[in-house]
Amino acid sequence: MSFLKAYPFLVPLLEEAYGKIAEYFETFSSVVLEVITEPEAENDRELFAFIRTGLPVDEALARLERFDEEWWLEASDRAQGKLCIHVEFE
C-alpha cells in the first residue's frame, strides 16, 4: 500500500489492467502484486503484477504476448517505469 501511496497514478492503471487481464485471461485465479527492489539500487523499486493462471505455459505466454501487443505496450507509458505485468504458473 505504501508503494501505491507513493505512486498514486498507478491505481487507475491497475484497475484498468485488471479489466484487460480478465479479457485476455478468462481463466486466471488471481493477480498478485509484489514490490521488488533492484538489488544494486535500493531506491529502484518496481511493482509487479503477476497473473496467476493454470493455463498451459505456451497458451499463457501467447495470451501475454497478445495482451502486451494490443494493450500493455501503449498503456505502460502511464506506469512511468514503475509497473510490470507477467504471468505466474500455478
PDB file of N, CA and C in Angstrom:
ATOM      1  N   MET A   1       0.825  -1.197   0.000  1.00  0.00           N
ATOM      2  CA  MET A   1       0.000   0.000   0.000  1.00  0.00           C
ATOM      3  C   MET A   1       0.865   1.254   0.000  1.00  0.00           C
ATOM      4  N   SER A   2       1.995   1.212   0.700  1.00  0.00           N
ATOM      5  CA  SER A   2       2.852   2.398   0.752  1.00  0.00           C
ATOM      6  C   SER A   2       3.411   2.721  -0.628  1.00  0.00           C
ATOM      7  N   PHE A   3       3.650   1.696  -1.444  1.00  0.00           N
ATOM      8  CA  PHE A   3       4.141   1.933  -2.805  1.00  0.00           C
ATOM      9  C   PHE A   3       3.079   2.663  -3.620  1.00  0.00           C
ATOM     10  N   LEU A   4       1.831   2.241  -3.492  1.00  0.00           N
ATOM     11  CA  LEU A   4       0.746   2.895  -4.229  1.00  0.00           C
ATOM     12  C   LEU A   4       0.476   4.299  -3.698  1.00  0.00           C
ATOM     13  N   LYS A   5       0.704   4.526  -2.419  1.00  0.00           N
ATOM     14  CA  LYS A   5       0.575   5.881  -1.883  1.00  0.00           C
ATOM     15  C   LYS A   5       1.668   6.781  -2.444  1.00  0.00           C
ATOM     16  N   ALA A   6       2.859   6.223  -2.654  1.00  0.00           N
ATOM     17  CA  ALA A   6       3.968   6.987  -3.217  1.00  0.00           C
ATOM     18  C   ALA A   6       3.780   7.249  -4.713  1.00  0.00           C
ATOM     19  N   TYR A   7       3.076   6.348  -5.390  1.00  0.00           N
ATOM     20  CA  TYR A   7       2.855   6.458  -6.841  1.00  0.00           C
ATOM     21  C   TYR A   7       1.361   6.291  -7.138  1.00  0.00           C
ATOM     22  N   PRO A   8       0.541   7.251  -6.725  1.00  0.00           N
ATOM     23  CA  PRO A   8      -0.914   7.101  -6.859  1.00  0.00           C
ATOM     24  C   PRO A   8      -1.410   7.014  -8.303  1.00  0.00           C
ATOM     25  N   PHE A   9      -0.609   7.450  -9.261  1.00  0.00           N
ATOM     26  CA  PHE A   9      -1.010   7.348 -10.669  1.00  0.00           C
ATOM     27  C   PHE A   9      -1.142   5.894 -11.113  1.00  0.00           C
ATOM     28  N   LEU A  10      -0.590   4.953 -10.330  1.00  0.00           N
ATOM     29  CA  LEU A  10      -0.695   3.535 -10.676  1.00  0.00           C
ATOM     30  C   LEU A  10      -2.070   2.942 -10.378  1.00  0.00           C
ATOM     31  N   VAL A  11      -2.789   3.530  -9.440  1.00  0.00           N
ATOM     32  CA  VAL A  11      -4.068   2.947  -9.007  1.00  0.00           C
ATOM     33  C   VAL A  11      -5.066   2.834 -10.166  1.00  0.00           C
ATOM     34  N   PRO A  12      -5.365   3.913 -10.904  1.00  0.00           N
ATOM     35  CA  PRO A  12      -6.318   3.747 -12.013  1.00  0.00           C
ATOM     36  C   PRO A  12      -5.780   2.836 -13.118  1.00  0.00           C
ATOM     37  N   LEU A  13      -4.471   2.843 -13.299  1.00  0.00           N
ATOM     38  CA  LEU A  13      -3.881   1.957 -14.307  1.00  0.00           C
ATOM     39  C   LEU A  13      -4.036   0.496 -13.896  1.00  0.00           C
ATOM     40  N   LEU A  14      -3.856   0.201 -12.619  1.00  0.00           N
ATOM     41  CA  LEU A  14      -4.055  -1.163 -12.134  1.00  0.00           C
ATOM     42  C   LEU A  14      -5.505  -1.604 -12.288  1.00  0.00           C
ATOM     43  N   GLU A  15      -6.439  -0.703 -12.027  1.00  0.00           N
ATOM     44  CA  GLU A  15      -7.854  -1.035 -12.198  1.00  0.00           C
ATOM     45  C   GLU A  15      -8.159  -1.340 -13.661  1.00  0.00           C
ATOM     46  N   GLU A  16      -7.617  -0.532 -14.548  1.00  0.00           N
ATOM     47  CA  GLU A  16      -7.815  -0.766 -15.983  1.00  0.00           C
ATOM     48  C   GLU A  16      -7.142  -2.071 -16.409  1.00  0.00           C
ATOM     49  N   ALA A  17      -5.937  -2.298 -15.908  1.00  0.00           N
ATOM     50  CA  ALA A  17      -5.199  -3.520 -16.251  1.00  0.00           C
ATOM     51  C   ALA A  17      -5.965  -4.758 -15.816  1.00  0.00           C
ATOM     52  N   TYR A  18      -6.592  -4.708 -14.644  1.00  0.00           N
ATOM     53  CA  TYR A  18      -7.342  -5.869 -14.159  1.00  0.00           C
ATOM     54  C   TYR A  18      -8.463  -6.230 -15.140  1.00  0.00           C
ATOM     55  N   GLY A  19      -9.147  -5.230 -15.648  1.00  0.00           N
ATOM     56  CA  GLY A  19     -10.193  -5.484 -16.638  1.00  0.00           C
ATOM     57  C   GLY A  19      -9.644  -6.094 -17.910  1.00  0.00           C
ATOM     58  N   LYS A  20      -8.504  -5.590 -18.346  1.00  0.00           N
ATOM     59  CA  LYS A  20      -7.869  -6.132 -19.554  1.00  0.00           C
ATOM     60  C   LYS A  20      -7.378  -7.559 -19.317  1.00  0.00           C
ATOM     61  N   ILE A  21      -6.827  -7.819 -18.145  1.00  0.00           N
ATOM     62  CA  ILE A  21      -6.374  -9.168 -17.816  1.00  0.00           C
ATOM     63  C   ILE A  21      -7.549 -10.129 -17.893  1.00  0.00           C
ATOM     64  N   ALA A  22      -8.700  -9.718 -17.383  1.00  0.00           N
ATOM     65  CA  ALA A  22      -9.899 -10.562 -17.443  1.00  0.00           C
ATOM     66  C   ALA A  22     -10.303 -10.852 -18.887  1.00  0.00           C
ATOM     67  N   GLU A  23     -10.066  -9.907 -19.799  1.00  0.00           N
ATOM     68  CA  GLU A  23     -10.382 -10.128 -21.216  1.00  0.00           C
ATOM     69  C   GLU A  23      -9.438 -11.153 -21.848  1.00  0.00           C
ATOM     70  N   TYR A  24      -8.158 -11.055 -21.555  1.00  0.00           N
ATOM     71  CA  TYR A  24      -7.159 -11.908 -22.198  1.00  0.00           C
ATOM     72  C   TYR A  24      -6.952 -13.238 -21.483  1.00  0.00           C
ATOM     73  N   PHE A  25      -7.201 -13.271 -20.189  1.00  0.00           N
ATOM     74  CA  PHE A  25      -7.011 -14.484 -19.391  1.00  0.00           C
ATOM     75  C   PHE A  25      -8.325 -14.790 -18.676  1.00  0.00           C
ATOM     76  N   GLU A  26      -9.287 -15.325 -19.423  1.00  0.00           N
ATOM     77  CA  GLU A  26     -10.614 -15.578 -18.862  1.00  0.00           C
ATOM     78  C   GLU A  26     -10.546 -16.483 -17.636  1.00  0.00           C
ATOM     79  N   THR A  27      -9.589 -17.365 -17.613  1.00  0.00           N
ATOM     80  CA  THR A  27      -9.492 -18.333 -16.521  1.00  0.00           C
ATOM     81  C   THR A  27      -8.206 -18.130 -15.734  1.00  0.00           C
ATOM     82  N   PHE A  28      -8.118 -17.029 -15.014  1.00  0.00           N
ATOM     83  CA  PHE A  28      -6.978 -16.810 -14.130  1.00  0.00           C
ATOM     84  C   PHE A  28      -7.493 -16.853 -12.705  1.00  0.00           C
ATOM     85  N   SER A  29      -6.643 -17.246 -11.781  1.00  0.00           N
ATOM     86  CA  SER A  29      -7.123 -17.377 -10.406  1.00  0.00           C
ATOM     87  C   SER A  29      -6.980 -16.071  -9.636  1.00  0.00           C
ATOM     88  N   SER A  30      -5.948 -15.301  -9.920  1.00  0.00           N
ATOM     89  CA  SER A  30      -5.769 -14.035  -9.214  1.00  0.00           C
ATOM     90  C   SER A  30      -4.667 -13.225  -9.876  1.00  0.00           C
ATOM     91  N   VAL A  31      -4.552 -11.980  -9.443  1.00  0.00           N
ATOM     92  CA  VAL A  31      -3.429 -11.133  -9.811  1.00  0.00           C
ATOM     93  C   VAL A  31      -2.768 -10.748  -8.493  1.00  0.00           C
ATOM     94  N   VAL A  32      -1.504 -11.081  -8.380  1.00  0.00           N
ATOM     95  CA  VAL A  32      -0.755 -10.826  -7.151  1.00  0.00           C
ATOM     96  C   VAL A  32       0.187  -9.654  -7.390  1.00  0.00           C
ATOM     97  N   LEU A  33       0.137  -8.691  -6.483  1.00  0.00           N
ATOM     98  CA  LEU A  33       1.019  -7.529  -6.574  1.00  0.00           C
ATOM     99  C   LEU A  33       2.192  -7.713  -5.634  1.00  0.00           C
ATOM    100  N   GLU A  34       3.387  -7.394  -6.130  1.00  0.00           N
ATOM    101  CA  GLU A  34       4.593  -7.516  -5.311  1.00  0.00           C
ATOM    102  C   GLU A  34       5.553  -6.395  -5.685  1.00  0.00           C
ATOM    103  N   VAL A  35       6.049  -5.697  -4.682  1.00  0.00           N
ATOM    104  CA  VAL A  35       7.053  -4.656  -4.910  1.00  0.00           C
ATOM    105  C   VAL A  35       8.416  -5.327  -4.853  1.00  0.00           C
ATOM    106  N   ILE A  36       9.191  -5.126  -5.905  1.00  0.00           N
ATOM    107  CA  ILE A  36      10.520  -5.729  -5.995  1.00  0.00           C
ATOM    108  C   ILE A  36      11.552  -4.612  -6.045  1.00  0.00           C
ATOM    109  N   THR A  37      12.568  -4.749  -5.208  1.00  0.00           N
ATOM    110  CA  THR A  37      13.651  -3.771  -5.148  1.00  0.00           C
ATOM    111  C   THR A  37      14.839  -4.305  -5.924  1.00  0.00           C
ATOM    112  N   GLU A  38      15.412  -3.467  -6.753  1.00  0.00           N
ATOM    113  CA  GLU A  38      16.607  -3.827  -7.512  1.00  0.00           C
ATOM    114  C   GLU A  38      17.767  -3.992  -6.532  1.00  0.00           C
ATOM    115  N   PRO A  39      18.427  -5.151  -6.522  1.00  0.00           N
ATOM    116  CA  PRO A  39      19.484  -5.387  -5.528  1.00  0.00           C
ATOM    117  C   PRO A  39      20.621  -4.358  -5.571  1.00  0.00           C
ATOM    118  N   GLU A  40      20.961  -3.881  -6.752  1.00  0.00           N
ATOM    119  CA  GLU A  40      22.069  -2.938  -6.881  1.00  0.00           C
ATOM    120  C   GLU A  40      21.670  -1.510  -6.512  1.00  0.00           C
ATOM    121  N   ALA A  41      20.378  -1.232  -6.502  1.00  0.00           N
ATOM    122  CA  ALA A  41      19.905   0.130  -6.231  1.00  0.00           C
ATOM    123  C   ALA A  41      18.670   0.060  -5.343  1.00  0.00           C
ATOM    124  N   GLU A  42      18.847   0.233  -4.059  1.00  0.00           N
ATOM    125  CA  GLU A  42      17.735   0.081  -3.122  1.00  0.00           C
ATOM    126  C   GLU A  42      16.593   1.058  -3.366  1.00  0.00           C
ATOM    127  N   ASN A  43      16.871   2.195  -3.966  1.00  0.00           N
ATOM    128  CA  ASN A  43      15.825   3.182  -4.238  1.00  0.00           C
ATOM    129  C   ASN A  43      15.073   2.873  -5.532  1.00  0.00           C
ATOM    130  N   ASP A  44      15.518   1.869  -6.261  1.00  0.00           N
ATOM    131  CA  ASP A  44      14.876   1.496  -7.517  1.00  0.00           C
ATOM    132  C   ASP A  44      13.910   0.346  -7.246  1.00  0.00           C
ATOM    133  N   ARG A  45      12.645   0.712  -6.991  1.00  0.00           N
ATOM    134  CA  ARG A  45      11.614  -0.286  -6.707  1.00  0.00           C
ATOM    135  C   ARG A  45      10.588  -0.271  -7.826  1.00  0.00           C
ATOM    136  N   GLU A  46      10.002  -1.436  -8.063  1.00  0.00           N
ATOM    137  CA  GLU A  46       9.006  -1.568  -9.122  1.00  0.00           C
ATOM    138  C   GLU A  46       7.908  -2.503  -8.644  1.00  0.00           C
ATOM    139  N   LEU A  47       6.685  -2.208  -9.043  1.00  0.00           N
ATOM    140  CA  LEU A  47       5.542  -3.045  -8.713  1.00  0.00           C
ATOM    141  C   LEU A  47       5.353  -4.061  -9.830  1.00  0.00           C
ATOM    142  N   PHE A  48       5.259  -5.323  -9.449  1.00  0.00           N
ATOM    143  CA  PHE A  48       4.987  -6.382 -10.407  1.00  0.00           C
ATOM    144  C   PHE A  48       3.583  -6.903 -10.155  1.00  0.00           C
ATOM    145  N   ALA A  49       2.835  -7.081 -11.230  1.00  0.00           N
ATOM    146  CA  ALA A  49       1.523  -7.707 -11.179  1.00  0.00           C
ATOM    147  C   ALA A  49       1.674  -9.068 -11.842  1.00  0.00           C
ATOM    148  N   PHE A  50       1.557 -10.114 -11.045  1.00  0.00           N
ATOM    149  CA  PHE A  50       1.686 -11.474 -11.549  1.00  0.00           C
ATOM    150  C   PHE A  50       0.301 -12.061 -11.767  1.00  0.00           C
ATOM    151  N   ILE A  51       0.016 -12.430 -13.002  1.00  0.00           N
ATOM    152  CA  ILE A  51      -1.260 -13.054 -13.361  1.00  0.00           C
ATOM    153  C   ILE A  51      -1.111 -14.550 -13.088  1.00  0.00           C
ATOM    154  N   ARG A  52      -1.759 -15.039 -12.063  1.00  0.00           N
ATOM    155  CA  ARG A  52      -1.690 -16.464 -11.739  1.00  0.00           C
ATOM    156  C   ARG A  52      -2.683 -17.216 -12.611  1.00  0.00           C
ATOM    157  N   THR A  53      -2.164 -18.206 -13.313  1.00  0.00           N
ATOM    158  CA  THR A  53      -3.005 -18.946 -14.238  1.00  0.00           C
ATOM    159  C   THR A  53      -2.638 -20.420 -14.243  1.00  0.00           C
ATOM    160  N   GLY A  54      -3.625 -21.228 -14.513  1.00  0.00           N
ATOM    161  CA  GLY A  54      -3.413 -22.660 -14.670  1.00  0.00           C
ATOM    162  C   GLY A  54      -3.355 -23.069 -16.131  1.00  0.00           C
ATOM    163  N   LEU A  55      -3.332 -22.091 -17.020  1.00  0.00           N
ATOM    164  CA  LEU A  55      -3.246 -22.391 -18.452  1.00  0.00           C
ATOM    165  C   LEU A  55      -1.922 -23.074 -18.765  1.00  0.00           C
ATOM    166  N   PRO A  56      -1.887 -23.868 -19.835  1.00  0.00           N
ATOM    167  CA  PRO A  56      -0.608 -24.412 -20.273  1.00  0.00           C
ATOM    168  C   PRO A  56       0.368 -23.267 -20.570  1.00  0.00           C
ATOM    169  N   VAL A  57       1.637 -23.500 -20.335  1.00  0.00           N
ATOM    170  CA  VAL A  57       2.654 -22.451 -20.471  1.00  0.00           C
ATOM    171  C   VAL A  57       2.590 -21.769 -21.832  1.00  0.00           C
ATOM    172  N   ASP A  58       2.564 -22.551 -22.913  1.00  0.00           N
ATOM    173  CA  ASP A  58       2.554 -21.968 -24.263  1.00  0.00           C
ATOM    174  C   ASP A  58       1.353 -21.057 -24.471  1.00  0.00           C
ATOM    175  N   GLU A  59       0.193 -21.502 -24.013  1.00  0.00           N
ATOM    176  CA  GLU A  59      -1.023 -20.704 -24.190  1.00  0.00           C
ATOM    177  C   GLU A  59      -0.970 -19.430 -23.352  1.00  0.00           C
ATOM    178  N   ALA A  60      -0.516 -19.541 -22.109  1.00  0.00           N
ATOM    179  CA  ALA A  60      -0.427 -18.364 -21.239  1.00  0.00           C
ATOM    180  C   ALA A  60       0.546 -17.340 -21.810  1.00  0.00           C
ATOM    181  N   LEU A  61       1.684 -17.799 -22.311  1.00  0.00           N
ATOM    182  CA  LEU A  61       2.662 -16.867 -22.879  1.00  0.00           C
ATOM    183  C   LEU A  61       2.150 -16.229 -24.166  1.00  0.00           C
ATOM    184  N   ALA A  62       1.392 -16.985 -24.954  1.00  0.00           N
ATOM    185  CA  ALA A  62       0.794 -16.419 -26.174  1.00  0.00           C
ATOM    186  C   ALA A  62      -0.228 -15.350 -25.808  1.00  0.00           C
ATOM    187  N   ARG A  63      -1.023 -15.597 -24.769  1.00  0.00           N
ATOM    188  CA  ARG A  63      -2.004 -14.594 -24.332  1.00  0.00           C
ATOM    189  C   ARG A  63      -1.302 -13.357 -23.780  1.00  0.00           C
ATOM    190  N   LEU A  64      -0.211 -13.564 -23.029  1.00  0.00           N
ATOM    191  CA  LEU A  64       0.545 -12.429 -22.509  1.00  0.00           C
ATOM    192  C   LEU A  64       1.127 -11.599 -23.653  1.00  0.00           C
ATOM    193  N   GLU A  65       1.601 -12.253 -24.684  1.00  0.00           N
ATOM    194  CA  GLU A  65       2.140 -11.544 -25.846  1.00  0.00           C
ATOM    195  C   GLU A  65       1.057 -10.702 -26.526  1.00  0.00           C
ATOM    196  N   ARG A  66      -0.132 -11.279 -26.695  1.00  0.00           N
ATOM    197  CA  ARG A  66      -1.255 -10.520 -27.280  1.00  0.00           C
ATOM    198  C   ARG A  66      -1.637  -9.346 -26.377  1.00  0.00           C
ATOM    199  N   PHE A  67      -1.727  -9.595 -25.079  1.00  0.00           N
ATOM    200  CA  PHE A  67      -2.029  -8.559 -24.088  1.00  0.00           C
ATOM    201  C   PHE A  67      -1.021  -7.413 -24.222  1.00  0.00           C
ATOM    202  N   ASP A  68       0.265  -7.770 -24.295  1.00  0.00           N
ATOM    203  CA  ASP A  68       1.316  -6.756 -24.438  1.00  0.00           C
ATOM    204  C   ASP A  68       1.151  -5.962 -25.724  1.00  0.00           C
ATOM    205  N   GLU A  69       1.034  -6.658 -26.831  1.00  0.00           N
ATOM    206  CA  GLU A  69       0.977  -6.004 -28.136  1.00  0.00           C
ATOM    207  C   GLU A  69      -0.279  -5.160 -28.321  1.00  0.00           C
ATOM    208  N   GLU A  70      -1.407  -5.666 -27.843  1.00  0.00           N
ATOM    209  CA  GLU A  70      -2.678  -4.997 -28.105  1.00  0.00           C
ATOM    210  C   GLU A  70      -3.056  -3.947 -27.069  1.00  0.00           C
ATOM    211  N   TRP A  71      -2.454  -3.997 -25.884  1.00  0.00           N
ATOM    212  CA  TRP A  71      -2.820  -3.002 -24.875  1.00  0.00           C
ATOM    213  C   TRP A  71      -1.640  -2.517 -24.034  1.00  0.00           C
ATOM    214  N   TRP A  72      -0.896  -3.403 -23.403  1.00  0.00           N
ATOM    215  CA  TRP A  72       0.067  -3.010 -22.384  1.00  0.00           C
ATOM    216  C   TRP A  72       1.218  -2.159 -22.904  1.00  0.00           C
ATOM    217  N   LEU A  73       1.759  -2.448 -24.082  1.00  0.00           N
ATOM    218  CA  LEU A  73       2.899  -1.675 -24.564  1.00  0.00           C
ATOM    219  C   LEU A  73       2.570  -0.187 -24.655  1.00  0.00           C
ATOM    220  N   GLU A  74       1.381   0.146 -25.094  1.00  0.00           N
ATOM    221  CA  GLU A  74       0.966   1.555 -25.157  1.00  0.00           C
ATOM    222  C   GLU A  74       0.600   2.078 -23.770  1.00  0.00           C
ATOM    223  N   ALA A  75      -0.123   1.298 -23.011  1.00  0.00           N
ATOM    224  CA  ALA A  75      -0.563   1.732 -21.680  1.00  0.00           C
ATOM    225  C   ALA A  75       0.598   1.854 -20.698  1.00  0.00           C
ATOM    226  N   SER A  76       1.656   1.101 -20.913  1.00  0.00           N
ATOM    227  CA  SER A  76       2.774   1.077 -19.958  1.00  0.00           C
ATOM    228  C   SER A  76       3.471   2.419 -19.820  1.00  0.00           C
ATOM    229  N   ASP A  77       3.338   3.285 -20.800  1.00  0.00           N
ATOM    230  CA  ASP A  77       3.912   4.640 -20.671  1.00  0.00           C
ATOM    231  C   ASP A  77       3.362   5.349 -19.439  1.00  0.00           C
ATOM    232  N   ARG A  78       2.095   5.094 -19.134  1.00  0.00           N
ATOM    233  CA  ARG A  78       1.467   5.722 -17.968  1.00  0.00           C
ATOM    234  C   ARG A  78       2.012   5.193 -16.646  1.00  0.00           C
ATOM    235  N   ALA A  79       2.704   4.057 -16.688  1.00  0.00           N
ATOM    236  CA  ALA A  79       3.268   3.467 -15.476  1.00  0.00           C
ATOM    237  C   ALA A  79       4.585   4.127 -15.076  1.00  0.00           C
ATOM    238  N   GLN A  80       5.146   4.901 -15.958  1.00  0.00           N
ATOM    239  CA  GLN A  80       6.391   5.635 -15.692  1.00  0.00           C
ATOM    240  C   GLN A  80       7.502   4.719 -15.173  1.00  0.00           C
ATOM    241  N   GLY A  81       7.555   3.508 -15.709  1.00  0.00           N
ATOM    242  CA  GLY A  81       8.598   2.565 -15.331  1.00  0.00           C
ATOM    243  C   GLY A  81       8.425   1.938 -13.962  1.00  0.00           C
ATOM    244  N   LYS A  82       7.242   2.057 -13.376  1.00  0.00           N
ATOM    245  CA  LYS A  82       7.011   1.558 -12.014  1.00  0.00           C
ATOM    246  C   LYS A  82       6.122   0.323 -11.956  1.00  0.00           C
ATOM    247  N   LEU A  83       5.703  -0.232 -13.102  1.00  0.00           N
ATOM    248  CA  LEU A  83       4.824  -1.398 -13.103  1.00  0.00           C
ATOM    249  C   LEU A  83       5.192  -2.342 -14.242  1.00  0.00           C
ATOM    250  N   CYS A  84       5.311  -3.617 -13.915  1.00  0.00           N
ATOM    251  CA  CYS A  84       5.488  -4.687 -14.904  1.00  0.00           C
ATOM    252  C   CYS A  84       4.378  -5.707 -14.696  1.00  0.00           C
ATOM    253  N   ILE A  85       3.946  -6.323 -15.787  1.00  0.00           N
ATOM    254  CA  ILE A  85       2.916  -7.349 -15.714  1.00  0.00           C
ATOM    255  C   ILE A  85       3.452  -8.625 -16.336  1.00  0.00           C
ATOM    256  N   HIS A  86       3.373  -9.720 -15.599  1.00  0.00           N
ATOM    257  CA  HIS A  86       3.870 -11.018 -16.053  1.00  0.00           C
ATOM    258  C   HIS A  86       2.882 -12.102 -15.651  1.00  0.00           C
ATOM    259  N   VAL A  87       3.096 -13.303 -16.191  1.00  0.00           N
ATOM    260  CA  VAL A  87       2.302 -14.451 -15.769  1.00  0.00           C
ATOM    261  C   VAL A  87       3.079 -15.265 -14.751  1.00  0.00           C
ATOM    262  N   GLU A  88       2.335 -15.946 -13.908  1.00  0.00           N
ATOM    263  CA  GLU A  88       2.902 -16.860 -12.926  1.00  0.00           C
ATOM    264  C   GLU A  88       2.068 -18.120 -12.981  1.00  0.00           C
ATOM    265  N   PHE A  89       2.729 -19.251 -13.019  1.00  0.00           N
ATOM    266  CA  PHE A  89       2.020 -20.508 -13.218  1.00  0.00           C
ATOM    267  C   PHE A  89       1.734 -21.190 -11.900  1.00  0.00           C
ATOM    268  N   GLU A  90       0.516 -21.724 -11.815  1.00  0.00           N
ATOM    269  CA  GLU A  90       0.088 -22.425 -10.590  1.00  0.00           C
ATOM    270  C   GLU A  90       0.568 -23.852 -10.607  1.00  0.00           C
TER     271      GLU A  90
END
